[in-house]
Amino acid sequence: MATPAVTQAYYPQGRLYIGCSDGDLSGTAPYGGTALGLHAECFLAPNPRTFTLEMEEYGGEAGDVVELGNDWICSVLLATGDDDSMDTIFGTSGNGATTTDALITEPGITIGSMGSGRAVKLCFVPDDATMRGFIAYRALPLLDASRELTYQVTSPTMVGVIFQLMRDTNGVTLREGRPADLVP
């Protein structure tokens, strides 16, 4: 078994972009996409799902576990002062009638609708080209989980966002590597 690279599980310095489309990620920002804004921390992690089979004859003890797949999630802390990133994550926003403060309004979610229409291509490009970045081909901001993360943030200028990563039409969820090796 290879030794885990702890420093590569956490992406401390770099930039997030949505909709990247230009060649590889070693070129010029924003790589055909839009900068998502300043961020303080970015984590990428597997989210394994299981179902426990309970044995009734033993009072509901675990008898086995069924593996249900391995989703990926990305969590990030974004600066709330960036109107573009807030609009991208939380829906339409605008300026107040008497102030220039941004207003977060209903993101156009209809009860019973599929969330996949709000999914974006999410790219993390490290400041140091020798470090690892990633491209998530369909990243859906999870508003309910993001709210829980935000409650845990100690800075009033940051908001937590969790993205559920999903497969694209080619069956690809995520690519990770050095920017020159990543093709949007």
C-alpha atoms as a PDB file:
ATOM      1  CA  MET A   1       0.000   0.000   0.000  1.00  0.00           C
ATOM      2  CA  ALA A   2       1.300   3.445  -0.893  1.00  0.00           C
ATOM      3  CA  THR A   3       1.906   5.995   1.834  1.00  0.00           C
ATOM      4  CA  PRO A   4      -0.954   8.534   1.865  1.00  0.00           C
ATOM      5  CA  ALA A   5       0.003  12.045   0.796  1.00  0.00           C
ATOM      6  CA  VAL A   6      -1.774  14.096   3.444  1.00  0.00           C
ATOM      7  CA  THR A   7      -0.797  17.386   1.830  1.00  0.00           C
ATOM      8  CA  GLN A   8      -2.590  16.400  -1.376  1.00  0.00           C
ATOM      9  CA  ALA A   9      -5.962  15.755   0.296  1.00  0.00           C
ATOM     10  CA  TYR A  10      -6.289  19.398   1.264  1.00  0.00           C
ATOM     11  CA  TYR A  11      -5.988  22.146  -1.338  1.00  0.00           C
ATOM     12  CA  PRO A  12      -4.808  25.218   0.588  1.00  0.00           C
ATOM     13  CA  GLN A  13      -3.650  27.673  -2.085  1.00  0.00           C
ATOM     14  CA  GLY A  14      -5.217  28.128  -5.478  1.00  0.00           C
ATOM     15  CA  ARG A  15      -8.300  29.371  -7.276  1.00  0.00           C
ATOM     16  CA  LEU A  16     -11.722  27.941  -8.073  1.00  0.00           C
ATOM     17  CA  TYR A  17     -13.372  28.399 -11.476  1.00  0.00           C
ATOM     18  CA  ILE A  18     -16.611  27.240 -13.026  1.00  0.00           C
ATOM     19  CA  GLY A  19     -17.190  26.341 -16.649  1.00  0.00           C
ATOM     20  CA  CYS A  20     -13.523  25.925 -17.642  1.00  0.00           C
ATOM     21  CA  SER A  21     -13.186  24.961 -21.306  1.00  0.00           C
ATOM     22  CA  ASP A  22      -9.782  26.060 -22.629  1.00  0.00           C
ATOM     23  CA  GLY A  23      -7.221  23.326 -23.402  1.00  0.00           C
ATOM     24  CA  ASP A  24      -5.485  22.405 -20.170  1.00  0.00           C
ATOM     25  CA  LEU A  25      -5.281  24.243 -16.871  1.00  0.00           C
ATOM     26  CA  SER A  26      -1.701  25.393 -17.273  1.00  0.00           C
ATOM     27  CA  GLY A  27      -2.700  28.396 -19.410  1.00  0.00           C
ATOM     28  CA  THR A  28      -4.148  31.745 -18.401  1.00  0.00           C
ATOM     29  CA  ALA A  29      -6.947  32.147 -15.871  1.00  0.00           C
ATOM     30  CA  PRO A  30      -9.934  31.877 -16.001  1.00  0.00           C
ATOM     31  CA  TYR A  31      -9.388  29.060 -18.560  1.00  0.00           C
ATOM     32  CA  GLY A  32     -12.545  29.857 -20.517  1.00  0.00           C
ATOM     33  CA  GLY A  33     -14.657  29.895 -17.361  1.00  0.00           C
ATOM     34  CA  THR A  34     -15.518  32.258 -14.533  1.00  0.00           C
ATOM     35  CA  ALA A  35     -13.597  32.782 -11.300  1.00  0.00           C
ATOM     36  CA  LEU A  36     -15.731  31.633  -8.393  1.00  0.00           C
ATOM     37  CA  GLY A  37     -14.165  34.032  -5.954  1.00  0.00           C
ATOM     38  CA  LEU A  38     -11.762  33.997  -3.064  1.00  0.00           C
ATOM     39  CA  HIS A  39     -11.695  30.945  -0.873  1.00  0.00           C
ATOM     40  CA  ALA A  40     -10.008  30.067   2.392  1.00  0.00           C
ATOM     41  CA  GLU A  41     -10.079  26.273   2.301  1.00  0.00           C
ATOM     42  CA  CYS A  42     -10.933  23.606  -0.235  1.00  0.00           C
ATOM     43  CA  PHE A  43     -11.354  19.891   0.531  1.00  0.00           C
ATOM     44  CA  LEU A  44     -12.040  17.022  -1.855  1.00  0.00           C
ATOM     45  CA  ALA A  45     -13.108  13.726  -0.328  1.00  0.00           C
ATOM     46  CA  PRO A  46     -14.859  10.453  -1.133  1.00  0.00           C
ATOM     47  CA  ASN A  47     -18.265  10.001   0.437  1.00  0.00           C
ATOM     48  CA  PRO A  48     -18.818   6.225   0.652  1.00  0.00           C
ATOM     49  CA  ARG A  49     -22.387   5.045   1.119  1.00  0.00           C
ATOM     50  CA  THR A  50     -23.430   1.786   2.752  1.00  0.00           C
ATOM     51  CA  PHE A  51     -26.581   0.047   3.954  1.00  0.00           C
ATOM     52  CA  THR A  52     -26.426  -2.065   7.107  1.00  0.00           C
ATOM     53  CA  LEU A  53     -28.317  -5.361   7.058  1.00  0.00           C
ATOM     54  CA  GLU A  54     -29.731  -5.948  10.515  1.00  0.00           C
ATOM     55  CA  MET A  55     -30.289  -9.405  12.026  1.00  0.00           C
ATOM     56  CA  GLU A  56     -33.724  -9.476  13.629  1.00  0.00           C
ATOM     57  CA  GLU A  57     -32.929 -12.683  15.483  1.00  0.00           C
ATOM     58  CA  TYR A  58     -30.201 -10.821  17.386  1.00  0.00           C
ATOM     59  CA  GLY A  59     -32.156  -7.696  18.236  1.00  0.00           C
ATOM     60  CA  GLY A  60     -31.153  -5.702  15.155  1.00  0.00           C
ATOM     61  CA  GLU A  61     -27.369  -6.234  15.331  1.00  0.00           C
ATOM     62  CA  ALA A  62     -25.424  -5.597  12.148  1.00  0.00           C
ATOM     63  CA  GLY A  63     -25.171  -8.778  10.101  1.00  0.00           C
ATOM     64  CA  ASP A  64     -23.504  -7.355   7.020  1.00  0.00           C
ATOM     65  CA  VAL A  65     -23.017  -4.130   5.096  1.00  0.00           C
ATOM     66  CA  VAL A  66     -24.003  -3.564   1.465  1.00  0.00           C
ATOM     67  CA  GLU A  67     -21.697  -1.221  -0.464  1.00  0.00           C
ATOM     68  CA  LEU A  68     -23.782   1.360  -2.358  1.00  0.00           C
ATOM     69  CA  GLY A  69     -21.092   3.269  -4.204  1.00  0.00           C
ATOM     70  CA  ASN A  70     -18.586   5.973  -3.599  1.00  0.00           C
ATOM     71  CA  ASP A  71     -19.711   9.554  -4.210  1.00  0.00           C
ATOM     72  CA  TRP A  72     -17.316  12.493  -4.103  1.00  0.00           C
ATOM     73  CA  ILE A  73     -17.891  15.822  -2.399  1.00  0.00           C
ATOM     74  CA  CYS A  74     -15.989  19.100  -2.449  1.00  0.00           C
ATOM     75  CA  SER A  75     -16.320  21.559   0.393  1.00  0.00           C
ATOM     76  CA  VAL A  76     -15.027  25.097   0.247  1.00  0.00           C
ATOM     77  CA  LEU A  77     -15.164  28.289   2.290  1.00  0.00           C
ATOM     78  CA  LEU A  78     -15.945  31.267   0.052  1.00  0.00           C
ATOM     79  CA  ALA A  79     -15.675  34.983   0.757  1.00  0.00           C
ATOM     80  CA  THR A  80     -19.212  36.401   1.088  1.00  0.00           C
ATOM     81  CA  GLY A  81     -18.170  39.740  -0.365  1.00  0.00           C
ATOM     82  CA  ASP A  82     -17.876  38.232  -3.852  1.00  0.00           C
ATOM     83  CA  ASP A  83     -21.266  38.818  -5.507  1.00  0.00           C
ATOM     84  CA  ASP A  84     -20.420  36.611  -8.513  1.00  0.00           C
ATOM     85  CA  SER A  85     -19.696  33.563  -6.396  1.00  0.00           C
ATOM     86  CA  MET A  86     -22.753  34.116  -4.213  1.00  0.00           C
ATOM     87  CA  ASP A  87     -24.940  34.453  -7.324  1.00  0.00           C
ATOM     88  CA  THR A  88     -23.480  31.264  -8.818  1.00  0.00           C
ATOM     89  CA  ILE A  89     -24.006  29.202  -5.675  1.00  0.00           C
ATOM     90  CA  PHE A  90     -27.219  30.567  -4.212  1.00  0.00           C
ATOM     91  CA  GLY A  91     -29.113  31.820  -7.258  1.00  0.00           C
ATOM     92  CA  THR A  92     -30.011  35.264  -8.494  1.00  0.00           C
ATOM     93  CA  SER A  93     -28.917  38.238  -6.467  1.00  0.00           C
ATOM     94  CA  GLY A  94     -29.129  41.949  -6.919  1.00  0.00           C
ATOM     95  CA  ASN A  95     -28.492  45.207  -5.135  1.00  0.00           C
ATOM     96  CA  GLY A  96     -30.858  46.564  -2.534  1.00  0.00           C
ATOM     97  CA  ALA A  97     -33.116  49.523  -3.377  1.00  0.00           C
ATOM     98  CA  THR A  98     -31.497  51.872  -0.860  1.00  0.00           C
ATOM     99  CA  THR A  99     -28.103  50.231  -0.365  1.00  0.00           C
ATOM    100  CA  THR A 100     -25.524  48.454  -2.466  1.00  0.00           C
ATOM    101  CA  ASP A 101     -25.693  45.337  -0.276  1.00  0.00           C
ATOM    102  CA  ALA A 102     -26.314  42.164  -2.256  1.00  0.00           C
ATOM    103  CA  LEU A 103     -29.662  40.471  -1.782  1.00  0.00           C
ATOM    104  CA  ILE A 104     -29.872  36.694  -1.974  1.00  0.00           C
ATOM    105  CA  THR A 105     -33.188  35.716  -3.514  1.00  0.00           C
ATOM    106  CA  GLU A 106     -34.910  32.431  -4.356  1.00  0.00           C
ATOM    107  CA  PRO A 107     -32.545  30.436  -6.622  1.00  0.00           C
ATOM    108  CA  GLY A 108     -35.352  29.344  -8.923  1.00  0.00           C
ATOM    109  CA  ILE A 109     -35.852  25.959  -7.293  1.00  0.00           C
ATOM    110  CA  THR A 110     -39.249  24.385  -7.906  1.00  0.00           C
ATOM    111  CA  ILE A 111     -40.530  21.810  -5.440  1.00  0.00           C
ATOM    112  CA  GLY A 112     -39.982  18.343  -6.890  1.00  0.00           C
ATOM    113  CA  SER A 113     -37.523  19.511  -9.569  1.00  0.00           C
ATOM    114  CA  MET A 114     -34.190  17.832 -10.247  1.00  0.00           C
ATOM    115  CA  GLY A 115     -31.160  19.713  -8.930  1.00  0.00           C
ATOM    116  CA  SER A 116     -28.819  18.530 -11.687  1.00  0.00           C
ATOM    117  CA  GLY A 117     -29.766  21.524 -13.837  1.00  0.00           C
ATOM    118  CA  ARG A 118     -27.839  23.725 -11.381  1.00  0.00           C
ATOM    119  CA  ALA A 119     -24.671  21.624 -11.679  1.00  0.00           C
ATOM    120  CA  VAL A 120     -21.521  23.384 -12.910  1.00  0.00           C
ATOM    121  CA  LYS A 121     -18.061  22.299 -14.022  1.00  0.00           C
ATOM    122  CA  LEU A 122     -15.817  23.106 -11.046  1.00  0.00           C
ATOM    123  CA  CYS A 123     -12.054  23.505 -11.485  1.00  0.00           C
ATOM    124  CA  PHE A 124      -9.454  23.968  -8.773  1.00  0.00           C
ATOM    125  CA  VAL A 125      -6.137  25.332 -10.055  1.00  0.00           C
ATOM    126  CA  PRO A 126      -3.285  25.497  -7.523  1.00  0.00           C
ATOM    127  CA  ASP A 127      -1.079  28.585  -7.358  1.00  0.00           C
ATOM    128  CA  ASP A 128       1.948  26.279  -7.581  1.00  0.00           C
ATOM    129  CA  ALA A 129       1.833  24.375 -10.902  1.00  0.00           C
ATOM    130  CA  THR A 130       3.691  21.431  -9.349  1.00  0.00           C
ATOM    131  CA  MET A 131       0.823  20.799  -6.908  1.00  0.00           C
ATOM    132  CA  ARG A 132      -2.349  18.893  -7.721  1.00  0.00           C
ATOM    133  CA  GLY A 133      -5.614  20.407  -8.880  1.00  0.00           C
ATOM    134  CA  PHE A 134      -8.874  18.879 -10.042  1.00  0.00           C
ATOM    135  CA  ILE A 135     -11.784  19.177 -12.436  1.00  0.00           C
ATOM    136  CA  ALA A 136     -15.234  18.078 -11.287  1.00  0.00           C
ATOM    137  CA  TYR A 137     -17.361  17.764 -14.408  1.00  0.00           C
ATOM    138  CA  ARG A 138     -20.769  18.135 -12.726  1.00  0.00           C
ATOM    139  CA  ALA A 139     -20.685  19.782  -9.306  1.00  0.00           C
ATOM    140  CA  LEU A 140     -24.023  20.528  -7.695  1.00  0.00           C
ATOM    141  CA  PRO A 141     -24.073  23.014  -4.792  1.00  0.00           C
ATOM    142  CA  LEU A 142     -25.963  21.357  -1.934  1.00  0.00           C
ATOM    143  CA  LEU A 143     -27.761  24.228  -0.268  1.00  0.00           C
ATOM    144  CA  ASP A 144     -28.963  22.271   2.777  1.00  0.00           C
ATOM    145  CA  ALA A 145     -25.542  20.747   3.543  1.00  0.00           C
ATOM    146  CA  SER A 146     -23.864  24.090   2.826  1.00  0.00           C
ATOM    147  CA  ARG A 147     -26.052  25.747   5.433  1.00  0.00           C
ATOM    148  CA  GLU A 148     -24.842  23.270   8.068  1.00  0.00           C
ATOM    149  CA  LEU A 149     -21.205  23.929   7.117  1.00  0.00           C
ATOM    150  CA  THR A 150     -21.742  27.702   7.279  1.00  0.00           C
ATOM    151  CA  TYR A 151     -23.088  27.399  10.827  1.00  0.00           C
ATOM    152  CA  GLN A 152     -19.727  25.926  11.834  1.00  0.00           C
ATOM    153  CA  VAL A 153     -17.657  28.718  10.254  1.00  0.00           C
ATOM    154  CA  THR A 154     -16.308  31.217  12.761  1.00  0.00           C
ATOM    155  CA  SER A 155     -15.775  34.092  10.321  1.00  0.00           C
ATOM    156  CA  PRO A 156     -18.760  36.266   9.358  1.00  0.00           C
ATOM    157  CA  THR A 157     -17.092  37.030   6.016  1.00  0.00           C
ATOM    158  CA  MET A 158     -17.006  33.390   4.873  1.00  0.00           C
ATOM    159  CA  VAL A 159     -19.728  31.006   3.742  1.00  0.00           C
ATOM    160  CA  GLY A 160     -19.360  27.255   3.472  1.00  0.00           C
ATOM    161  CA  VAL A 161     -20.397  25.490   0.273  1.00  0.00           C
ATOM    162  CA  ILE A 162     -20.548  21.745  -0.300  1.00  0.00           C
ATOM    163  CA  PHE A 163     -20.712  20.411  -3.841  1.00  0.00           C
ATOM    164  CA  GLN A 164     -22.008  16.937  -4.696  1.00  0.00           C
ATOM    165  CA  LEU A 165     -19.894  15.664  -7.600  1.00  0.00           C
ATOM    166  CA  MET A 166     -21.780  13.686 -10.247  1.00  0.00           C
ATOM    167  CA  ARG A 167     -20.884  11.800 -13.440  1.00  0.00           C
ATOM    168  CA  ASP A 168     -21.044  13.665 -16.739  1.00  0.00           C
ATOM    169  CA  THR A 169     -22.471  12.198 -19.970  1.00  0.00           C
ATOM    170  CA  ASN A 170     -19.186  10.313 -20.499  1.00  0.00           C
ATOM    171  CA  GLY A 171     -19.422   8.670 -17.071  1.00  0.00           C
ATOM    172  CA  VAL A 172     -16.551  10.755 -15.639  1.00  0.00           C
ATOM    173  CA  THR A 173     -16.942  12.398 -12.234  1.00  0.00           C
ATOM    174  CA  LEU A 174     -13.539  13.831 -11.453  1.00  0.00           C
ATOM    175  CA  ARG A 175      -9.982  14.189 -12.713  1.00  0.00           C
ATOM    176  CA  GLU A 176      -7.126  15.064 -10.405  1.00  0.00           C
ATOM    177  CA  GLY A 177      -3.531  15.938 -11.243  1.00  0.00           C
ATOM    178  CA  ARG A 178      -1.098  18.686 -12.125  1.00  0.00           C
ATOM    179  CA  PRO A 179      -2.704  21.566 -14.062  1.00  0.00           C
ATOM    180  CA  ALA A 180      -0.856  20.804 -17.322  1.00  0.00           C
ATOM    181  CA  ASP A 181      -2.311  17.269 -17.269  1.00  0.00           C
ATOM    182  CA  LEU A 182      -5.909  18.308 -16.662  1.00  0.00           C
ATOM    183  CA  VAL A 183      -8.067  18.859 -19.721  1.00  0.00           C
ATOM    184  CA  PRO A 184     -11.465  20.457 -19.115  1.00  0.00           C
END
